[in-house]
Amino acid sequence: MNAALKAAGDINFSRCPEEEPDNWLDIDAEIFDSMLQNMAPGRSGDAMDVEQKEEKLAQDQASKLKSLAQKVEKFVEGEGDLEGARFEECVTWNNCASLFAH
């Protein structure tokens, strides 16, 4: 480290720019509270809407999960051949291929 300091030589700090003021860090507590309230969900009385949307999303996900569990159960109990599993929705493998192409 001493070698690096010697190699750097004397540093003229008078040419360094002044530090920027840090007054931008100062904030009034009331202003900060009002900013938080404006950013919070449900600030305009729509908290119920948010809860309803979350409940609907949870119900949709639960329904999809239940459907998947039923399909897995049918698959485990189902039949297959060399080309793969057979699903009730598929009459031939070509019909199934279009389902899985997405």
PDB file of N, CA and C in Angstrom:
ATOM      1  N   MET A   1       0.819  -1.173   0.000  1.00  0.00           N
ATOM      2  CA  MET A   1       0.000   0.000   0.000  1.00  0.00           C
ATOM      3  C   MET A   1       0.876   1.254   0.000  1.00  0.00           C
ATOM      4  N   ASN A   2       1.944   1.199   0.755  1.00  0.00           N
ATOM      5  CA  ASN A   2       2.869   2.352   0.782  1.00  0.00           C
ATOM      6  C   ASN A   2       3.436   2.609  -0.602  1.00  0.00           C
ATOM      7  N   ALA A   3       3.720   1.534  -1.334  1.00  0.00           N
ATOM      8  CA  ALA A   3       4.273   1.690  -2.682  1.00  0.00           C
ATOM      9  C   ALA A   3       3.257   2.390  -3.587  1.00  0.00           C
ATOM     10  N   ALA A   4       1.999   2.054  -3.436  1.00  0.00           N
ATOM     11  CA  ALA A   4       0.956   2.687  -4.248  1.00  0.00           C
ATOM     12  C   ALA A   4       0.850   4.162  -3.925  1.00  0.00           C
ATOM     13  N   LEU A   5       0.957   4.496  -2.638  1.00  0.00           N
ATOM     14  CA  LEU A   5       0.895   5.906  -2.252  1.00  0.00           C
ATOM     15  C   LEU A   5       2.091   6.683  -2.784  1.00  0.00           C
ATOM     16  N   LYS A   6       3.253   6.069  -2.773  1.00  0.00           N
ATOM     17  CA  LYS A   6       4.447   6.736  -3.304  1.00  0.00           C
ATOM     18  C   LYS A   6       4.327   6.922  -4.804  1.00  0.00           C
ATOM     19  N   ALA A   7       3.763   5.908  -5.492  1.00  0.00           N
ATOM     20  CA  ALA A   7       3.624   5.989  -6.940  1.00  0.00           C
ATOM     21  C   ALA A   7       2.610   7.059  -7.334  1.00  0.00           C
ATOM     22  N   ALA A   8       1.607   7.271  -6.491  1.00  0.00           N
ATOM     23  CA  ALA A   8       0.586   8.265  -6.798  1.00  0.00           C
ATOM     24  C   ALA A   8       1.128   9.682  -6.660  1.00  0.00           C
ATOM     25  N   GLY A   9       2.148   9.842  -5.850  1.00  0.00           N
ATOM     26  CA  GLY A   9       2.715  11.171  -5.664  1.00  0.00           C
ATOM     27  C   GLY A   9       1.830  12.037  -4.801  1.00  0.00           C
ATOM     28  N   ASP A  10       2.091  13.313  -4.836  1.00  0.00           N
ATOM     29  CA  ASP A  10       1.294  14.247  -4.049  1.00  0.00           C
ATOM     30  C   ASP A  10      -0.013  14.529  -4.778  1.00  0.00           C
ATOM     31  N   ILE A  11      -1.091  14.493  -4.025  1.00  0.00           N
ATOM     32  CA  ILE A  11      -2.407  14.780  -4.606  1.00  0.00           C
ATOM     33  C   ILE A  11      -2.780  16.193  -4.199  1.00  0.00           C
ATOM     34  N   ASN A  12      -3.152  16.974  -5.181  1.00  0.00           N
ATOM     35  CA  ASN A  12      -3.555  18.351  -4.941  1.00  0.00           C
ATOM     36  C   ASN A  12      -5.076  18.361  -4.751  1.00  0.00           C
ATOM     37  N   PHE A  13      -5.507  18.434  -3.487  1.00  0.00           N
ATOM     38  CA  PHE A  13      -6.933  18.383  -3.188  1.00  0.00           C
ATOM     39  C   PHE A  13      -7.644  19.684  -3.537  1.00  0.00           C
ATOM     40  N   SER A  14      -6.920  20.731  -3.806  1.00  0.00           N
ATOM     41  CA  SER A  14      -7.559  22.001  -4.139  1.00  0.00           C
ATOM     42  C   SER A  14      -8.244  21.919  -5.500  1.00  0.00           C
ATOM     43  N   ARG A  15      -7.825  20.975  -6.328  1.00  0.00           N
ATOM     44  CA  ARG A  15      -8.444  20.826  -7.655  1.00  0.00           C
ATOM     45  C   ARG A  15      -9.669  19.911  -7.613  1.00  0.00           C
ATOM     46  N   CYS A  16      -9.931  19.243  -6.500  1.00  0.00           N
ATOM     47  CA  CYS A  16     -11.080  18.341  -6.385  1.00  0.00           C
ATOM     48  C   CYS A  16     -12.359  19.171  -6.287  1.00  0.00           C
ATOM     49  N   PRO A  17     -13.425  18.697  -6.914  1.00  0.00           N
ATOM     50  CA  PRO A  17     -14.680  19.448  -6.817  1.00  0.00           C
ATOM     51  C   PRO A  17     -15.238  19.373  -5.403  1.00  0.00           C
ATOM     52  N   GLU A  18     -16.022  20.383  -5.058  1.00  0.00           N
ATOM     53  CA  GLU A  18     -16.629  20.402  -3.736  1.00  0.00           C
ATOM     54  C   GLU A  18     -17.692  19.313  -3.643  1.00  0.00           C
ATOM     55  N   GLU A  19     -17.936  18.857  -2.429  1.00  0.00           N
ATOM     56  CA  GLU A  19     -18.969  17.847  -2.226  1.00  0.00           C
ATOM     57  C   GLU A  19     -20.332  18.461  -2.461  1.00  0.00           C
ATOM     58  N   GLU A  20     -21.232  17.642  -2.973  1.00  0.00           N
ATOM     59  CA  GLU A  20     -22.591  18.118  -3.200  1.00  0.00           C
ATOM     60  C   GLU A  20     -23.309  18.247  -1.861  1.00  0.00           C
ATOM     61  N   PRO A  21     -24.198  19.216  -1.764  1.00  0.00           N
ATOM     62  CA  PRO A  21     -24.941  19.362  -0.506  1.00  0.00           C
ATOM     63  C   PRO A  21     -25.875  18.168  -0.302  1.00  0.00           C
ATOM     64  N   ASP A  22     -26.091  17.835   0.939  1.00  0.00           N
ATOM     65  CA  ASP A  22     -26.946  16.683   1.231  1.00  0.00           C
ATOM     66  C   ASP A  22     -28.309  17.106   1.784  1.00  0.00           C
ATOM     67  N   ASN A  23     -28.713  18.325   1.473  1.00  0.00           N
ATOM     68  CA  ASN A  23     -30.001  18.795   1.966  1.00  0.00           C
ATOM     69  C   ASN A  23     -31.173  18.063   1.312  1.00  0.00           C
ATOM     70  N   TRP A  24     -30.932  17.350   0.234  1.00  0.00           N
ATOM     71  CA  TRP A  24     -31.998  16.571  -0.391  1.00  0.00           C
ATOM     72  C   TRP A  24     -32.423  15.396   0.504  1.00  0.00           C
ATOM     73  N   LEU A  25     -31.595  15.072   1.496  1.00  0.00           N
ATOM     74  CA  LEU A  25     -31.947  14.007   2.429  1.00  0.00           C
ATOM     75  C   LEU A  25     -32.964  14.464   3.472  1.00  0.00           C
ATOM     76  N   ASP A  26     -33.086  15.758   3.644  1.00  0.00           N
ATOM     77  CA  ASP A  26     -34.016  16.294   4.645  1.00  0.00           C
ATOM     78  C   ASP A  26     -35.438  16.188   4.111  1.00  0.00           C
ATOM     79  N   ILE A  27     -36.339  15.650   4.950  1.00  0.00           N
ATOM     80  CA  ILE A  27     -37.734  15.532   4.557  1.00  0.00           C
ATOM     81  C   ILE A  27     -38.606  15.758   5.782  1.00  0.00           C
ATOM     82  N   ASP A  28     -39.693  16.404   5.559  1.00  0.00           N
ATOM     83  CA  ASP A  28     -40.648  16.678   6.624  1.00  0.00           C
ATOM     84  C   ASP A  28     -41.450  15.403   6.898  1.00  0.00           C
ATOM     85  N   ALA A  29     -41.683  15.081   8.156  1.00  0.00           N
ATOM     86  CA  ALA A  29     -42.395  13.861   8.532  1.00  0.00           C
ATOM     87  C   ALA A  29     -43.812  13.850   7.976  1.00  0.00           C
ATOM     88  N   GLU A  30     -44.497  14.992   7.980  1.00  0.00           N
ATOM     89  CA  GLU A  30     -45.865  15.060   7.462  1.00  0.00           C
ATOM     90  C   GLU A  30     -45.890  14.808   5.959  1.00  0.00           C
ATOM     91  N   ILE A  31     -44.933  15.367   5.254  1.00  0.00           N
ATOM     92  CA  ILE A  31     -44.852  15.157   3.804  1.00  0.00           C
ATOM     93  C   ILE A  31     -44.586  13.676   3.511  1.00  0.00           C
ATOM     94  N   PHE A  32     -43.694  13.096   4.286  1.00  0.00           N
ATOM     95  CA  PHE A  32     -43.372  11.679   4.098  1.00  0.00           C
ATOM     96  C   PHE A  32     -44.596  10.798   4.360  1.00  0.00           C
ATOM     97  N   ASP A  33     -45.344  11.080   5.431  1.00  0.00           N
ATOM     98  CA  ASP A  33     -46.553  10.309   5.732  1.00  0.00           C
ATOM     99  C   ASP A  33     -47.582  10.430   4.618  1.00  0.00           C
ATOM    100  N   SER A  34     -47.763  11.627   4.086  1.00  0.00           N
ATOM    101  CA  SER A  34     -48.739  11.794   3.009  1.00  0.00           C
ATOM    102  C   SER A  34     -48.292  11.067   1.745  1.00  0.00           C
ATOM    103  N   MET A  35     -46.989  11.031   1.481  1.00  0.00           N
ATOM    104  CA  MET A  35     -46.478  10.281   0.336  1.00  0.00           C
ATOM    105  C   MET A  35     -46.755   8.790   0.506  1.00  0.00           C
ATOM    106  N   LEU A  36     -46.545   8.281   1.714  1.00  0.00           N
ATOM    107  CA  LEU A  36     -46.817   6.864   1.971  1.00  0.00           C
ATOM    108  C   LEU A  36     -48.289   6.542   1.806  1.00  0.00           C
ATOM    109  N   GLN A  37     -49.158   7.406   2.281  1.00  0.00           N
ATOM    110  CA  GLN A  37     -50.594   7.170   2.157  1.00  0.00           C
ATOM    111  C   GLN A  37     -51.032   7.181   0.705  1.00  0.00           C
ATOM    112  N   ASN A  38     -50.448   8.054  -0.091  1.00  0.00           N
ATOM    113  CA  ASN A  38     -50.796   8.122  -1.510  1.00  0.00           C
ATOM    114  C   ASN A  38     -50.323   6.890  -2.276  1.00  0.00           C
ATOM    115  N   MET A  39     -49.263   6.257  -1.816  1.00  0.00           N
ATOM    116  CA  MET A  39     -48.718   5.088  -2.503  1.00  0.00           C
ATOM    117  C   MET A  39     -49.359   3.787  -2.037  1.00  0.00           C
ATOM    118  N   ALA A  40     -50.020   3.793  -0.895  1.00  0.00           N
ATOM    119  CA  ALA A  40     -50.577   2.567  -0.327  1.00  0.00           C
ATOM    120  C   ALA A  40     -51.782   2.103  -1.132  1.00  0.00           C
ATOM    121  N   PRO A  41     -51.933   0.758  -1.324  1.00  0.00           N
ATOM    122  CA  PRO A  41     -53.118   0.263  -2.013  1.00  0.00           C
ATOM    123  C   PRO A  41     -54.362   0.528  -1.174  1.00  0.00           C
ATOM    124  N   GLY A  42     -55.452   0.772  -1.848  1.00  0.00           N
ATOM    125  CA  GLY A  42     -56.696   1.024  -1.139  1.00  0.00           C
ATOM    126  C   GLY A  42     -56.829   2.443  -0.648  1.00  0.00           C
ATOM    127  N   ARG A  43     -56.013   3.342  -1.156  1.00  0.00           N
ATOM    128  CA  ARG A  43     -56.019   4.707  -0.650  1.00  0.00           C
ATOM    129  C   ARG A  43     -57.285   5.458  -1.027  1.00  0.00           C
ATOM    130  N   SER A  44     -57.960   5.038  -2.074  1.00  0.00           N
ATOM    131  CA  SER A  44     -59.172   5.746  -2.487  1.00  0.00           C
ATOM    132  C   SER A  44     -60.422   4.941  -2.180  1.00  0.00           C
ATOM    133  N   GLY A  45     -60.361   4.126  -1.137  1.00  0.00           N
ATOM    134  CA  GLY A  45     -61.527   3.358  -0.747  1.00  0.00           C
ATOM    135  C   GLY A  45     -61.695   2.075  -1.531  1.00  0.00           C
ATOM    136  N   ASP A  46     -60.710   1.689  -2.302  1.00  0.00           N
ATOM    137  CA  ASP A  46     -60.834   0.473  -3.101  1.00  0.00           C
ATOM    138  C   ASP A  46     -60.104  -0.713  -2.479  1.00  0.00           C
ATOM    139  N   ALA A  47     -59.926  -0.674  -1.157  1.00  0.00           N
ATOM    140  CA  ALA A  47     -59.274  -1.793  -0.473  1.00  0.00           C
ATOM    141  C   ALA A  47     -60.088  -3.060  -0.640  1.00  0.00           C
ATOM    142  N   MET A  48     -61.399  -2.926  -0.660  1.00  0.00           N
ATOM    143  CA  MET A  48     -62.268  -4.084  -0.835  1.00  0.00           C
ATOM    144  C   MET A  48     -62.053  -4.682  -2.222  1.00  0.00           C
ATOM    145  N   ASP A  49     -61.887  -3.825  -3.237  1.00  0.00           N
ATOM    146  CA  ASP A  49     -61.643  -4.314  -4.594  1.00  0.00           C
ATOM    147  C   ASP A  49     -60.359  -5.127  -4.656  1.00  0.00           C
ATOM    148  N   VAL A  50     -59.323  -4.665  -3.988  1.00  0.00           N
ATOM    149  CA  VAL A  50     -58.045  -5.367  -3.968  1.00  0.00           C
ATOM    150  C   VAL A  50     -58.214  -6.729  -3.312  1.00  0.00           C
ATOM    151  N   GLU A  51     -58.929  -6.762  -2.194  1.00  0.00           N
ATOM    152  CA  GLU A  51     -59.160  -8.029  -1.503  1.00  0.00           C
ATOM    153  C   GLU A  51     -59.980  -8.981  -2.360  1.00  0.00           C
ATOM    154  N   GLN A  52     -60.985  -8.454  -3.059  1.00  0.00           N
ATOM    155  CA  GLN A  52     -61.803  -9.299  -3.928  1.00  0.00           C
ATOM    156  C   GLN A  52     -60.989  -9.851  -5.088  1.00  0.00           C
ATOM    157  N   LYS A  53     -60.127  -9.035  -5.660  1.00  0.00           N
ATOM    158  CA  LYS A  53     -59.276  -9.499  -6.762  1.00  0.00           C
ATOM    159  C   LYS A  53     -58.320 -10.581  -6.285  1.00  0.00           C
ATOM    160  N   GLU A  54     -57.741 -10.385  -5.102  1.00  0.00           N
ATOM    161  CA  GLU A  54     -56.831 -11.390  -4.555  1.00  0.00           C
ATOM    162  C   GLU A  54     -57.567 -12.692  -4.268  1.00  0.00           C
ATOM    163  N   GLU A  55     -58.791 -12.594  -3.745  1.00  0.00           N
ATOM    164  CA  GLU A  55     -59.589 -13.785  -3.464  1.00  0.00           C
ATOM    165  C   GLU A  55     -59.932 -14.521  -4.752  1.00  0.00           C
ATOM    166  N   LYS A  56     -60.308 -13.784  -5.791  1.00  0.00           N
ATOM    167  CA  LYS A  56     -60.628 -14.406  -7.083  1.00  0.00           C
ATOM    168  C   LYS A  56     -59.401 -15.081  -7.660  1.00  0.00           C
ATOM    169  N   LEU A  57     -58.259 -14.428  -7.580  1.00  0.00           N
ATOM    170  CA  LEU A  57     -57.020 -15.016  -8.078  1.00  0.00           C
ATOM    171  C   LEU A  57     -56.699 -16.302  -7.325  1.00  0.00           C
ATOM    172  N   ALA A  58     -56.865 -16.287  -6.012  1.00  0.00           N
ATOM    173  CA  ALA A  58     -56.604 -17.485  -5.211  1.00  0.00           C
ATOM    174  C   ALA A  58     -57.563 -18.608  -5.590  1.00  0.00           C
ATOM    175  N   GLN A  59     -58.828 -18.276  -5.819  1.00  0.00           N
ATOM    176  CA  GLN A  59     -59.803 -19.289  -6.223  1.00  0.00           C
ATOM    177  C   GLN A  59     -59.472 -19.865  -7.592  1.00  0.00           C
ATOM    178  N   ASP A  60     -59.078 -19.002  -8.524  1.00  0.00           N
ATOM    179  CA  ASP A  60     -58.697 -19.469  -9.864  1.00  0.00           C
ATOM    180  C   ASP A  60     -57.493 -20.408  -9.802  1.00  0.00           C
ATOM    181  N   GLN A  61     -56.502 -20.033  -9.014  1.00  0.00           N
ATOM    182  CA  GLN A  61     -55.318 -20.876  -8.882  1.00  0.00           C
ATOM    183  C   GLN A  61     -55.646 -22.203  -8.223  1.00  0.00           C
ATOM    184  N   ALA A  62     -56.520 -22.176  -7.217  1.00  0.00           N
ATOM    185  CA  ALA A  62     -56.927 -23.415  -6.549  1.00  0.00           C
ATOM    186  C   ALA A  62     -57.677 -24.313  -7.518  1.00  0.00           C
ATOM    187  N   SER A  63     -58.520 -23.729  -8.345  1.00  0.00           N
ATOM    188  CA  SER A  63     -59.274 -24.499  -9.344  1.00  0.00           C
ATOM    189  C   SER A  63     -58.331 -25.144 -10.355  1.00  0.00           C
ATOM    190  N   LYS A  64     -57.349 -24.399 -10.821  1.00  0.00           N
ATOM    191  CA  LYS A  64     -56.370 -24.940 -11.780  1.00  0.00           C
ATOM    192  C   LYS A  64     -55.554 -26.055 -11.144  1.00  0.00           C
ATOM    193  N   LEU A  65     -55.181 -25.875  -9.890  1.00  0.00           N
ATOM    194  CA  LEU A  65     -54.401 -26.895  -9.187  1.00  0.00           C
ATOM    195  C   LEU A  65     -55.221 -28.173  -9.012  1.00  0.00           C
ATOM    196  N   LYS A  66     -56.492 -28.016  -8.685  1.00  0.00           N
ATOM    197  CA  LYS A  66     -57.368 -29.178  -8.521  1.00  0.00           C
ATOM    198  C   LYS A  66     -57.524 -29.914  -9.850  1.00  0.00           C
ATOM    199  N   SER A  67     -57.688 -29.167 -10.933  1.00  0.00           N
ATOM    200  CA  SER A  67     -57.807 -29.763 -12.261  1.00  0.00           C
ATOM    201  C   SER A  67     -56.536 -30.526 -12.632  1.00  0.00           C
ATOM    202  N   LEU A  68     -55.392 -29.934 -12.335  1.00  0.00           N
ATOM    203  CA  LEU A  68     -54.119 -30.598 -12.613  1.00  0.00           C
ATOM    204  C   LEU A  68     -53.996 -31.881 -11.808  1.00  0.00           C
ATOM    205  N   ALA A  69     -54.382 -31.836 -10.538  1.00  0.00           N
ATOM    206  CA  ALA A  69     -54.310 -33.031  -9.686  1.00  0.00           C
ATOM    207  C   ALA A  69     -55.200 -34.138 -10.234  1.00  0.00           C
ATOM    208  N   GLN A  70     -56.379 -33.768 -10.736  1.00  0.00           N
ATOM    209  CA  GLN A  70     -57.266 -34.774 -11.319  1.00  0.00           C
ATOM    210  C   GLN A  70     -56.655 -35.384 -12.579  1.00  0.00           C
ATOM    211  N   LYS A  71     -56.027 -34.559 -13.401  1.00  0.00           N
ATOM    212  CA  LYS A  71     -55.393 -35.063 -14.621  1.00  0.00           C
ATOM    213  C   LYS A  71     -54.226 -35.991 -14.289  1.00  0.00           C
ATOM    214  N   VAL A  72     -53.442 -35.634 -13.272  1.00  0.00           N
ATOM    215  CA  VAL A  72     -52.326 -36.482 -12.857  1.00  0.00           C
ATOM    216  C   VAL A  72     -52.855 -37.813 -12.351  1.00  0.00           C
ATOM    217  N   GLU A  73     -53.929 -37.770 -11.591  1.00  0.00           N
ATOM    218  CA  GLU A  73     -54.520 -39.004 -11.076  1.00  0.00           C
ATOM    219  C   GLU A  73     -55.010 -39.886 -12.229  1.00  0.00           C
ATOM    220  N   LYS A  74     -55.667 -39.297 -13.228  1.00  0.00           N
ATOM    221  CA  LYS A  74     -56.124 -40.062 -14.394  1.00  0.00           C
ATOM    222  C   LYS A  74     -54.931 -40.638 -15.150  1.00  0.00           C
ATOM    223  N   PHE A  75     -53.854 -39.857 -15.240  1.00  0.00           N
ATOM    224  CA  PHE A  75     -52.668 -40.324 -15.949  1.00  0.00           C
ATOM    225  C   PHE A  75     -52.065 -41.537 -15.248  1.00  0.00           C
ATOM    226  N   VAL A  76     -51.961 -41.455 -13.940  1.00  0.00           N
ATOM    227  CA  VAL A  76     -51.374 -42.556 -13.172  1.00  0.00           C
ATOM    228  C   VAL A  76     -52.223 -43.817 -13.313  1.00  0.00           C
ATOM    229  N   GLU A  77     -53.523 -43.653 -13.325  1.00  0.00           N
ATOM    230  CA  GLU A  77     -54.418 -44.796 -13.452  1.00  0.00           C
ATOM    231  C   GLU A  77     -54.651 -45.197 -14.904  1.00  0.00           C
ATOM    232  N   GLY A  78     -54.246 -44.346 -15.838  1.00  0.00           N
ATOM    233  CA  GLY A  78     -54.553 -44.568 -17.254  1.00  0.00           C
ATOM    234  C   GLY A  78     -53.640 -45.551 -17.943  1.00  0.00           C
ATOM    235  N   GLU A  79     -53.841 -45.605 -19.244  1.00  0.00           N
ATOM    236  CA  GLU A  79     -53.066 -46.514 -20.078  1.00  0.00           C
ATOM    237  C   GLU A  79     -52.134 -45.713 -20.965  1.00  0.00           C
ATOM    238  N   GLY A  80     -51.165 -46.401 -21.492  1.00  0.00           N
ATOM    239  CA  GLY A  80     -50.238 -45.777 -22.411  1.00  0.00           C
ATOM    240  C   GLY A  80     -49.740 -46.784 -23.415  1.00  0.00           C
ATOM    241  N   ASP A  81     -48.984 -46.318 -24.370  1.00  0.00           N
ATOM    242  CA  ASP A  81     -48.365 -47.205 -25.349  1.00  0.00           C
ATOM    243  C   ASP A  81     -46.988 -46.657 -25.673  1.00  0.00           C
ATOM    244  N   LEU A  82     -46.387 -47.124 -26.736  1.00  0.00           N
ATOM    245  CA  LEU A  82     -45.032 -46.695 -27.075  1.00  0.00           C
ATOM    246  C   LEU A  82     -44.941 -45.214 -27.418  1.00  0.00           C
ATOM    247  N   GLU A  83     -46.035 -44.641 -27.872  1.00  0.00           N
ATOM    248  CA  GLU A  83     -46.024 -43.230 -28.245  1.00  0.00           C
ATOM    249  C   GLU A  83     -46.277 -42.312 -27.049  1.00  0.00           C
ATOM    250  N   GLY A  84     -46.667 -42.864 -25.920  1.00  0.00           N
ATOM    251  CA  GLY A  84     -46.872 -42.038 -24.733  1.00  0.00           C
ATOM    252  C   GLY A  84     -48.202 -42.296 -24.079  1.00  0.00           C
ATOM    253  N   ALA A  85     -48.572 -41.399 -23.204  1.00  0.00           N
ATOM    254  CA  ALA A  85     -49.813 -41.540 -22.441  1.00  0.00           C
ATOM    255  C   ALA A  85     -51.015 -41.233 -23.327  1.00  0.00           C
ATOM    256  N   ARG A  86     -52.126 -41.832 -22.984  1.00  0.00           N
ATOM    257  CA  ARG A  86     -53.376 -41.561 -23.697  1.00  0.00           C
ATOM    258  C   ARG A  86     -54.296 -40.776 -22.769  1.00  0.00           C
ATOM    259  N   PHE A  87     -54.783 -39.663 -23.257  1.00  0.00           N
ATOM    260  CA  PHE A  87     -55.701 -38.840 -22.501  1.00  0.00           C
ATOM    261  C   PHE A  87     -57.083 -38.941 -23.125  1.00  0.00           C
ATOM    262  N   GLU A  88     -58.121 -38.744 -22.323  1.00  0.00           N
ATOM    263  CA  GLU A  88     -59.482 -38.820 -22.825  1.00  0.00           C
ATOM    264  C   GLU A  88     -59.738 -37.780 -23.904  1.00  0.00           C
ATOM    265  N   GLU A  89     -59.103 -36.607 -23.777  1.00  0.00           N
ATOM    266  CA  GLU A  89     -59.337 -35.532 -24.741  1.00  0.00           C
ATOM    267  C   GLU A  89     -58.780 -35.862 -26.124  1.00  0.00           C
ATOM    268  N   CYS A  90     -57.851 -36.813 -26.193  1.00  0.00           N
ATOM    269  CA  CYS A  90     -57.156 -37.106 -27.439  1.00  0.00           C
ATOM    270  C   CYS A  90     -57.661 -38.420 -28.027  1.00  0.00           C
ATOM    271  N   VAL A  91     -58.094 -38.343 -29.268  1.00  0.00           N
ATOM    272  CA  VAL A  91     -58.508 -39.559 -29.956  1.00  0.00           C
ATOM    273  C   VAL A  91     -57.285 -40.226 -30.563  1.00  0.00           C
ATOM    274  N   THR A  92     -56.438 -39.445 -31.192  1.00  0.00           N
ATOM    275  CA  THR A  92     -55.192 -39.962 -31.764  1.00  0.00           C
ATOM    276  C   THR A  92     -54.039 -39.100 -31.282  1.00  0.00           C
ATOM    277  N   TRP A  93     -52.836 -39.589 -31.472  1.00  0.00           N
ATOM    278  CA  TRP A  93     -51.650 -38.834 -31.057  1.00  0.00           C
ATOM    279  C   TRP A  93     -51.564 -37.498 -31.795  1.00  0.00           C
ATOM    280  N   ASN A  94     -51.987 -37.444 -33.055  1.00  0.00           N
ATOM    281  CA  ASN A  94     -51.922 -36.203 -33.828  1.00  0.00           C
ATOM    282  C   ASN A  94     -52.783 -35.119 -33.187  1.00  0.00           C
ATOM    283  N   ASN A  95     -53.933 -35.493 -32.634  1.00  0.00           N
ATOM    284  CA  ASN A  95     -54.776 -34.503 -31.954  1.00  0.00           C
ATOM    285  C   ASN A  95     -54.093 -33.987 -30.689  1.00  0.00           C
ATOM    286  N   CYS A  96     -53.414 -34.866 -29.979  1.00  0.00           N
ATOM    287  CA  CYS A  96     -52.713 -34.451 -28.754  1.00  0.00           C
ATOM    288  C   CYS A  96     -51.521 -33.564 -29.054  1.00  0.00           C
ATOM    289  N   ALA A  97     -50.838 -33.830 -30.147  1.00  0.00           N
ATOM    290  CA  ALA A  97     -49.644 -33.046 -30.478  1.00  0.00           C
ATOM    291  C   ALA A  97     -49.977 -31.572 -30.585  1.00  0.00           C
ATOM    292  N   SER A  98     -51.167 -31.248 -31.101  1.00  0.00           N
ATOM    293  CA  SER A  98     -51.535 -29.842 -31.206  1.00  0.00           C
ATOM    294  C   SER A  98     -51.777 -29.215 -29.828  1.00  0.00           C
ATOM    295  N   LEU A  99     -52.191 -30.029 -28.850  1.00  0.00           N
ATOM    296  CA  LEU A  99     -52.398 -29.501 -27.505  1.00  0.00           C
ATOM    297  C   LEU A  99     -51.086 -29.106 -26.839  1.00  0.00           C
ATOM    298  N   PHE A 100     -50.038 -29.888 -27.085  1.00  0.00           N
ATOM    299  CA  PHE A 100     -48.757 -29.643 -26.429  1.00  0.00           C
ATOM    300  C   PHE A 100     -47.824 -28.770 -27.241  1.00  0.00           C
ATOM    301  N   ALA A 101     -48.251 -28.326 -28.397  1.00  0.00           N
ATOM    302  CA  ALA A 101     -47.386 -27.524 -29.268  1.00  0.00           C
ATOM    303  C   ALA A 101     -47.246 -26.094 -28.756  1.00  0.00           C
ATOM    304  N   HIS A 102     -48.093 -25.668 -27.871  1.00  0.00           N
ATOM    305  CA  HIS A 102     -48.039 -24.272 -27.407  1.00  0.00           C
ATOM    306  C   HIS A 102     -46.985 -24.091 -26.452  1.00  0.00           C
TER     307      HIS A 102
END
